[in-house]
Amino acid sequence: MESHTQLLNRIRACTICADHLPEGPRPVLQIHPNAKILITGQAPGRKVHKSGIPFDDMSGIRLRDWLGVTPEQFYDPEQFAILPMGFCYPGTGKSGDLPPRPECAPAWHDVLLAELQQIEFTVVLGKYAQASHFGNSKKTLTELVQSWRDYWPQAIPLPHPSPRNNLWLQRNPWFESEVLPELRQHVSKVLKP
């Protein structure tokens, strides 16, 4: 039986999509069998690729604010598991980063999710993670996020916290006034010892 450490070492050595990665493979994730909250998103950006630390960018600052947690809490793998759809930076396209590589999630997600038996709450960021988690819904991002109570309290669909979504946030003030207070309260409750 493979240990948690052996599995992480195997993932960090992964090269299944190396030929398609402009800056080479560098899997970035955070996982521990005791984690209580799962964050599933898209793929690391260029800055995260360089640092090797999940959400080590403006998106991470916003996400931690949304969750109402400190960096110390967020980067405690026994509190938060961070499992993107693609573990490596996929490169840049015409309108931002490319989609996560399609090889990654099928290769690794099932074995990692099987380790996460203590998860009480899942935060699902962006359309690729939402399609995987909630199915290929016909709902727009706005419709999906507006229906957050349908998945509560096990999961919540959120827009990606990227600065690219500033306009969406401005157009949808209900998100900050209605969703975020509930989200922060729930995260605090789940993380209580």
Protein backbone atom coordinates (compact mmCIF):
# COMPACT_ATOMS: atom_id res chain seq x y z
CA MET A 1 0.00 0.00 0.00
CA GLU A 2 1.41 3.37 -1.06
CA SER A 3 1.85 5.94 1.71
CA HIS A 4 0.60 9.51 1.45
CA THR A 5 4.19 10.74 1.11
CA GLN A 6 4.97 8.21 -1.62
CA LEU A 7 1.87 9.26 -3.56
CA LEU A 8 2.78 12.95 -3.32
CA ASN A 9 6.33 12.19 -4.45
CA ARG A 10 4.96 10.27 -7.43
CA ILE A 11 2.67 13.16 -8.38
CA ARG A 12 5.44 15.74 -8.01
CA ALA A 13 7.54 13.64 -10.41
CA CYS A 14 4.71 13.40 -12.96
CA THR A 15 5.55 14.20 -16.59
CA ILE A 16 2.49 12.83 -18.45
CA CYS A 17 1.84 16.12 -20.23
CA ALA A 18 5.39 17.54 -20.22
CA ASP A 19 5.45 17.88 -24.03
CA HIS A 20 2.51 20.31 -23.84
CA LEU A 21 3.75 22.56 -21.03
CA PRO A 22 5.65 25.68 -22.15
CA GLU A 23 7.55 25.96 -18.85
CA GLY A 24 7.77 22.25 -18.10
CA PRO A 25 6.03 20.22 -15.42
CA ARG A 26 5.82 21.45 -11.84
CA PRO A 27 2.77 19.93 -10.16
CA VAL A 28 1.33 22.30 -7.54
CA LEU A 29 -1.19 20.97 -5.04
CA GLN A 30 -1.73 20.69 -1.31
CA ILE A 31 -3.23 17.60 0.22
CA HIS A 32 -3.37 15.68 3.49
CA PRO A 33 -5.74 12.91 4.60
CA ASN A 34 -6.91 15.05 7.57
CA ALA A 35 -7.99 18.05 5.44
CA LYS A 36 -11.47 19.35 6.22
CA ILE A 37 -12.04 21.69 3.27
CA LEU A 38 -11.31 20.89 -0.36
CA ILE A 39 -10.63 23.67 -2.84
CA THR A 40 -10.80 22.53 -6.42
CA GLY A 41 -9.95 24.97 -9.18
CA GLN A 42 -8.45 25.20 -12.62
CA ALA A 43 -4.64 25.15 -12.87
CA PRO A 44 -1.74 27.14 -11.47
CA GLY A 45 -0.84 30.42 -13.14
CA ARG A 46 2.67 31.49 -14.10
CA LYS A 47 3.46 33.06 -10.70
CA VAL A 48 2.30 29.95 -8.82
CA HIS A 49 4.33 27.79 -11.22
CA LYS A 50 7.44 29.77 -10.28
CA SER A 51 6.85 29.65 -6.51
CA GLY A 52 5.35 26.15 -6.30
CA ILE A 53 2.84 27.46 -3.71
CA PRO A 54 -0.90 27.14 -4.52
CA PHE A 55 -2.73 30.47 -4.86
CA ASP A 56 0.47 32.44 -4.24
CA ASP A 57 -0.92 35.35 -6.26
CA MET A 58 -3.69 37.96 -6.34
CA SER A 59 -6.30 35.20 -6.76
CA GLY A 60 -5.11 33.66 -3.52
CA ILE A 61 -5.35 36.93 -1.62
CA ARG A 62 -8.94 37.35 -2.79
CA LEU A 63 -9.82 33.70 -2.12
CA ARG A 64 -8.50 33.86 1.46
CA ASP A 65 -10.56 37.02 1.98
CA TRP A 66 -13.66 35.29 0.61
CA LEU A 67 -13.07 32.36 2.97
CA GLY A 68 -12.22 34.60 5.94
CA VAL A 69 -8.98 32.74 6.71
CA THR A 70 -5.39 33.70 7.33
CA PRO A 71 -2.51 32.48 5.15
CA GLU A 72 -1.45 30.23 8.04
CA GLN A 73 -4.85 28.54 8.08
CA PHE A 74 -5.04 28.33 4.30
CA TYR A 75 -1.61 26.74 3.91
CA ASP A 76 -2.20 24.17 6.64
CA PRO A 77 -2.72 20.96 4.61
CA GLU A 78 -4.58 19.39 7.54
CA GLN A 79 -7.19 22.14 7.14
CA PHE A 80 -7.28 22.79 3.37
CA ALA A 81 -6.67 20.43 0.47
CA ILE A 82 -6.03 22.24 -2.81
CA LEU A 83 -6.63 20.04 -5.82
CA PRO A 84 -6.75 21.81 -9.20
CA MET A 85 -8.04 20.18 -12.37
CA GLY A 86 -4.54 20.54 -13.79
CA PHE A 87 -1.51 20.53 -11.47
CA CYS A 88 0.86 22.36 -13.83
CA TYR A 89 0.82 25.77 -15.50
CA PRO A 90 -0.71 25.14 -18.96
CA GLY A 91 0.60 28.28 -20.68
CA THR A 92 -1.07 31.43 -21.95
CA GLY A 93 -3.63 31.77 -24.72
CA LYS A 94 -5.31 34.74 -26.41
CA SER A 95 -7.50 35.68 -23.44
CA GLY A 96 -5.55 34.40 -20.43
CA ASP A 97 -4.19 31.09 -19.28
CA LEU A 98 -4.98 28.00 -21.31
CA PRO A 99 -7.37 25.38 -19.92
CA PRO A 100 -5.98 22.75 -17.55
CA ARG A 101 -4.32 19.85 -19.36
CA PRO A 102 -6.90 17.08 -19.85
CA GLU A 103 -4.50 14.29 -18.79
CA CYS A 104 -4.10 15.41 -15.20
CA ALA A 105 -7.46 14.94 -13.48
CA PRO A 106 -8.12 11.44 -14.91
CA ALA A 107 -4.63 10.35 -13.90
CA TRP A 108 -4.67 11.60 -10.31
CA HIS A 109 -8.00 12.83 -8.95
CA ASP A 110 -9.61 9.52 -8.02
CA VAL A 111 -6.62 8.29 -6.03
CA LEU A 112 -6.28 11.65 -4.26
CA LEU A 113 -9.99 12.04 -3.52
CA ALA A 114 -9.98 8.54 -2.03
CA GLU A 115 -7.47 9.83 0.54
CA LEU A 116 -9.67 12.76 1.54
CA GLN A 117 -12.09 11.01 3.87
CA GLN A 118 -12.35 13.95 6.33
CA ILE A 119 -13.60 16.57 3.83
CA GLU A 120 -16.67 18.38 5.13
CA PHE A 121 -16.93 21.15 2.54
CA THR A 122 -15.81 21.67 -1.07
CA VAL A 123 -15.17 25.03 -2.72
CA VAL A 124 -15.45 24.72 -6.50
CA LEU A 125 -13.75 27.53 -8.44
CA GLY A 126 -14.21 28.26 -12.12
CA LYS A 127 -15.86 26.53 -15.03
CA TYR A 128 -13.50 23.56 -15.46
CA ALA A 129 -13.77 22.46 -11.85
CA GLN A 130 -17.51 23.18 -11.85
CA ALA A 131 -18.06 21.05 -14.96
CA SER A 132 -16.21 18.19 -13.29
CA HIS A 133 -17.89 18.55 -9.92
CA PHE A 134 -21.45 19.51 -10.88
CA GLY A 135 -21.63 17.97 -14.35
CA ASN A 136 -21.83 19.83 -17.62
CA SER A 137 -24.64 22.09 -16.51
CA LYS A 138 -26.36 24.35 -19.01
CA LYS A 139 -26.23 27.10 -16.40
CA THR A 140 -24.04 30.13 -16.91
CA LEU A 141 -21.46 30.94 -14.23
CA THR A 142 -23.84 33.52 -12.78
CA GLU A 143 -26.76 31.07 -12.71
CA LEU A 144 -24.63 28.37 -11.12
CA VAL A 145 -23.27 30.68 -8.41
CA GLN A 146 -26.79 32.06 -7.79
CA SER A 147 -27.96 28.48 -7.18
CA TRP A 148 -25.27 27.93 -4.52
CA ARG A 149 -27.86 26.90 -1.91
CA ASP A 150 -28.67 23.83 -4.05
CA TYR A 151 -25.25 22.39 -3.11
CA TRP A 152 -25.01 23.78 0.43
CA PRO A 153 -23.59 22.86 2.94
CA GLN A 154 -21.51 20.15 1.21
CA ALA A 155 -20.17 22.36 -1.60
CA ILE A 156 -20.33 25.81 -3.13
CA PRO A 157 -19.69 26.96 -6.72
CA LEU A 158 -17.78 30.25 -6.86
CA PRO A 159 -16.38 32.38 -9.65
CA HIS A 160 -12.64 32.12 -9.97
CA PRO A 161 -11.08 34.74 -7.65
CA SER A 162 -8.85 36.03 -10.45
CA PRO A 163 -8.64 39.79 -11.05
CA ARG A 164 -9.99 38.93 -14.52
CA ASN A 165 -13.38 38.52 -12.81
CA ASN A 166 -13.49 42.05 -11.35
CA LEU A 167 -16.19 43.05 -13.83
CA TRP A 168 -18.32 40.01 -12.91
CA LEU A 169 -18.00 40.92 -9.23
CA GLN A 170 -19.02 44.54 -9.95
CA ARG A 171 -22.06 43.38 -11.93
CA ASN A 172 -23.13 40.92 -9.23
CA PRO A 173 -23.04 42.77 -5.88
CA TRP A 174 -25.35 40.12 -4.35
CA PHE A 175 -22.34 37.79 -4.32
CA GLU A 176 -20.49 39.87 -1.76
CA SER A 177 -23.53 40.76 0.32
CA GLU A 178 -25.35 37.40 0.30
CA VAL A 179 -22.88 34.61 -0.43
CA LEU A 180 -19.63 35.67 1.25
CA PRO A 181 -20.99 36.15 4.79
CA GLU A 182 -22.52 32.64 4.69
CA LEU A 183 -19.32 31.22 3.21
CA ARG A 184 -17.10 32.78 5.89
CA GLN A 185 -19.36 31.61 8.70
CA HIS A 186 -19.47 28.06 7.35
CA VAL A 187 -15.69 27.87 6.84
CA SER A 188 -15.14 29.10 10.39
CA LYS A 189 -17.52 26.43 11.71
CA VAL A 190 -15.85 23.63 9.73
CA LEU A 191 -12.35 24.66 10.87
CA LYS A 192 -13.20 24.89 14.57
CA PRO A 193 -11.26 22.30 16.58
